[in-house]
């Protein structure tokens, strides 16, 4: 599992309302949610990003509520993964359930700037800042969680396994 993209950096305590404002929660349509991703944190975010870009944030990313809309909005906006110093626990679980890869590495976050290009290799457990050539260690995603991501999230995983397909 490898991701390469341009970094969009955010601070600490980015809550789910900043990720996808409550005024848009009258829909479950992924594409509609994606249009408003990070709108309250950066009104032009979705206009600036490219497919595969990476969000990098400080502490407690995804705090606030248990809404699953937040990782869905990020994923369908085209963000490949999120790297943070730490995640709110409910967001952490929702991200995997929705098929959004996330990584925790405080040292990397401290040394990555917005606009840098980074590569996250989840299998090797490395984060490489391709702009500065720095390399950081990150905990590899556990096998089961990687299966969830490869299936596109928990629901897809359960549906596939209900049909008797073993992963």
Protein backbone atom coordinates (compact mmCIF):
# COMPACT_ATOMS: atom_id res chain seq x y z
CA UNK A 1 0.00 0.00 0.00
CA UNK A 2 1.83 3.07 -1.30
CA UNK A 3 0.68 6.68 -1.66
CA UNK A 4 2.45 9.63 -3.27
CA UNK A 5 1.02 13.13 -3.32
CA UNK A 6 1.25 16.81 -2.59
CA UNK A 7 0.72 17.80 1.03
CA UNK A 8 -2.09 19.99 2.31
CA UNK A 9 -1.35 20.78 5.94
CA UNK A 10 -3.79 21.53 8.76
CA UNK A 11 -3.41 22.27 12.45
CA UNK A 12 -4.63 20.54 15.60
CA UNK A 13 -8.19 19.69 16.58
CA UNK A 14 -9.64 19.70 13.07
CA UNK A 15 -13.11 18.49 13.93
CA UNK A 16 -15.58 16.62 11.78
CA UNK A 17 -17.58 19.81 11.26
CA UNK A 18 -14.53 21.43 9.63
CA UNK A 19 -14.01 18.30 7.50
CA UNK A 20 -17.65 18.22 6.33
CA UNK A 21 -19.88 20.98 7.71
CA UNK A 22 -23.16 19.87 9.29
CA UNK A 23 -25.17 21.93 6.79
CA UNK A 24 -24.29 19.32 4.13
CA UNK A 25 -25.27 16.26 6.13
CA UNK A 26 -28.71 16.09 4.54
CA UNK A 27 -27.19 13.81 1.90
CA UNK A 28 -25.31 10.54 1.93
CA UNK A 29 -24.12 11.05 -1.67
CA UNK A 30 -20.33 10.68 -1.63
CA UNK A 31 -19.74 13.00 -4.58
CA UNK A 32 -21.87 15.76 -3.06
CA UNK A 33 -20.09 15.41 0.29
CA UNK A 34 -16.71 15.54 -1.48
CA UNK A 35 -17.57 18.93 -3.01
CA UNK A 36 -17.58 20.42 0.50
CA UNK A 37 -14.59 18.60 2.00
CA UNK A 38 -12.60 20.83 4.41
CA UNK A 39 -14.74 23.80 3.33
CA UNK A 40 -14.84 25.45 6.75
CA UNK A 41 -11.09 24.96 7.28
CA UNK A 42 -10.16 26.13 3.74
CA UNK A 43 -13.02 27.32 1.49
CA UNK A 44 -11.00 26.65 -1.68
CA UNK A 45 -9.62 23.26 -0.65
CA UNK A 46 -11.43 21.10 -3.21
CA UNK A 47 -10.54 23.53 -6.01
CA UNK A 48 -6.82 23.30 -5.17
CA UNK A 49 -6.31 19.59 -4.63
CA UNK A 50 -5.45 16.92 -7.17
CA UNK A 51 -6.33 13.24 -7.15
CA UNK A 52 -3.97 11.41 -4.79
CA UNK A 53 -2.94 14.39 -2.67
CA UNK A 54 -2.38 13.86 1.05
CA UNK A 55 -3.72 15.68 4.10
CA UNK A 56 -1.17 16.15 6.89
CA UNK A 57 -2.44 17.40 10.24
CA UNK A 58 -1.29 17.97 13.78
CA UNK A 59 -3.02 16.43 16.83
CA UNK A 60 -6.54 15.06 17.29
CA UNK A 61 -7.62 15.09 13.64
CA UNK A 62 -11.30 14.20 13.24
CA UNK A 63 -12.44 15.08 16.73
CA UNK A 64 -15.95 16.23 17.53
CA UNK A 65 -18.50 13.66 16.48
CA UNK A 66 -18.89 10.14 15.25
CA UNK A 67 -20.15 11.09 11.80
CA UNK A 68 -18.93 8.73 9.10
CA UNK A 69 -19.44 11.49 6.54
CA UNK A 70 -16.02 12.97 7.39
CA UNK A 71 -13.78 10.17 6.05
CA UNK A 72 -16.21 9.67 3.15
CA UNK A 73 -15.88 13.33 2.13
CA UNK A 74 -12.07 13.12 2.28
CA UNK A 75 -11.90 9.87 0.33
CA UNK A 76 -14.26 10.93 -2.45
CA UNK A 77 -12.61 14.35 -2.77
CA UNK A 78 -9.60 12.42 -4.08
CA UNK A 79 -7.33 12.52 -1.04
CA UNK A 80 -5.37 9.26 -0.99
CA UNK A 81 -4.67 9.18 2.77
CA UNK A 82 -4.28 11.27 5.89
CA UNK A 83 -1.14 11.56 8.02
CA UNK A 84 -1.41 13.13 11.47
CA UNK A 85 0.31 13.24 14.83
CA UNK A 86 -2.85 11.69 16.26
CA UNK A 87 -6.47 11.02 15.40
CA UNK A 88 -9.63 11.12 17.44
CA UNK A 89 -10.36 7.46 18.13
CA UNK A 90 -13.84 7.45 16.54
CA UNK A 91 -12.44 9.06 13.37
CA UNK A 92 -9.61 6.51 13.37
CA UNK A 93 -12.08 3.63 13.31
CA UNK A 94 -14.48 5.33 10.89
CA UNK A 95 -11.64 5.98 8.45
CA UNK A 96 -10.83 2.27 8.20
CA UNK A 97 -14.53 1.38 8.10
CA UNK A 98 -15.00 3.72 5.14
CA UNK A 99 -11.80 2.64 3.38
CA UNK A 100 -9.68 5.77 4.00
CA UNK A 101 -6.03 4.97 4.86
CA UNK A 102 -4.62 6.94 7.79
CA UNK A 103 -1.18 7.02 9.40
CA UNK A 104 0.20 8.43 12.66
CA UNK A 105 3.76 9.77 12.78
CA UNK A 106 4.46 12.90 14.86
CA UNK A 107 8.08 13.20 13.68
CA UNK A 108 7.09 13.21 10.01
CA UNK A 109 4.30 15.73 10.59
CA UNK A 110 6.75 18.09 12.32
CA UNK A 111 9.11 17.93 9.34
CA UNK A 112 6.65 18.14 6.45
CA UNK A 113 5.45 21.46 5.04
CA UNK A 114 2.43 22.26 2.92
CA UNK A 115 3.35 21.86 -0.73
CA UNK A 116 5.94 19.13 -0.10
CA UNK A 117 5.50 15.89 -2.00
CA UNK A 118 5.61 12.80 0.16
CA UNK A 119 5.45 9.06 -0.32
CA UNK A 120 3.91 6.82 2.31
CA UNK A 121 4.73 3.14 1.96
CA UNK A 122 2.41 1.34 4.33
CA UNK A 123 4.00 -2.04 3.66
CA UNK A 124 7.56 -0.92 4.40
CA UNK A 125 6.47 1.41 7.19
CA UNK A 126 8.19 4.47 5.73
CA UNK A 127 7.28 8.04 4.94
CA UNK A 128 9.62 9.77 2.52
CA UNK A 129 9.53 13.51 2.03
CA UNK A 130 10.48 13.60 -1.64
CA UNK A 131 11.02 17.37 -1.41
CA UNK A 132 13.61 17.24 1.40
CA UNK A 133 14.71 13.57 1.05
CA UNK A 134 13.97 12.89 4.75
CA UNK A 135 12.73 9.41 5.67
CA UNK A 136 10.58 8.60 8.70
CA UNK A 137 9.34 5.35 10.21
CA UNK A 138 5.62 4.77 10.57
CA UNK A 139 3.83 1.81 12.07
CA UNK A 140 2.64 -0.45 9.26
CA UNK A 141 -1.09 -0.98 8.95
CA UNK A 142 -2.10 -4.30 10.58
CA UNK A 143 -3.06 -7.01 8.09
CA UNK A 144 -6.76 -7.05 8.96
CA UNK A 145 -7.04 -3.27 8.66
CA UNK A 146 -5.25 -3.44 5.31
CA UNK A 147 -7.83 -6.00 4.17
CA UNK A 148 -10.59 -3.55 5.11
CA UNK A 149 -8.89 -0.82 3.08
CA UNK A 150 -8.29 -3.09 0.08
CA UNK A 151 -11.98 -4.00 0.06
CA UNK A 152 -13.01 -0.34 0.23
CA UNK A 153 -14.14 -0.47 3.84
CA UNK A 154 -15.90 -2.64 6.38
CA UNK A 155 -19.24 -2.99 4.57
CA UNK A 156 -17.60 -4.24 1.36
CA UNK A 157 -15.43 -6.59 3.41
CA UNK A 158 -18.47 -8.08 5.18
CA UNK A 159 -20.43 -8.45 1.93
CA UNK A 160 -17.54 -10.22 0.25
CA UNK A 161 -16.98 -12.56 3.20
CA UNK A 162 -20.67 -13.35 3.54
CA UNK A 163 -20.46 -14.85 0.06
CA UNK A 164 -17.81 -17.23 1.31
CA UNK A 165 -14.80 -15.45 -0.18
CA UNK A 166 -11.83 -15.64 2.17
CA UNK A 167 -9.30 -12.86 2.37
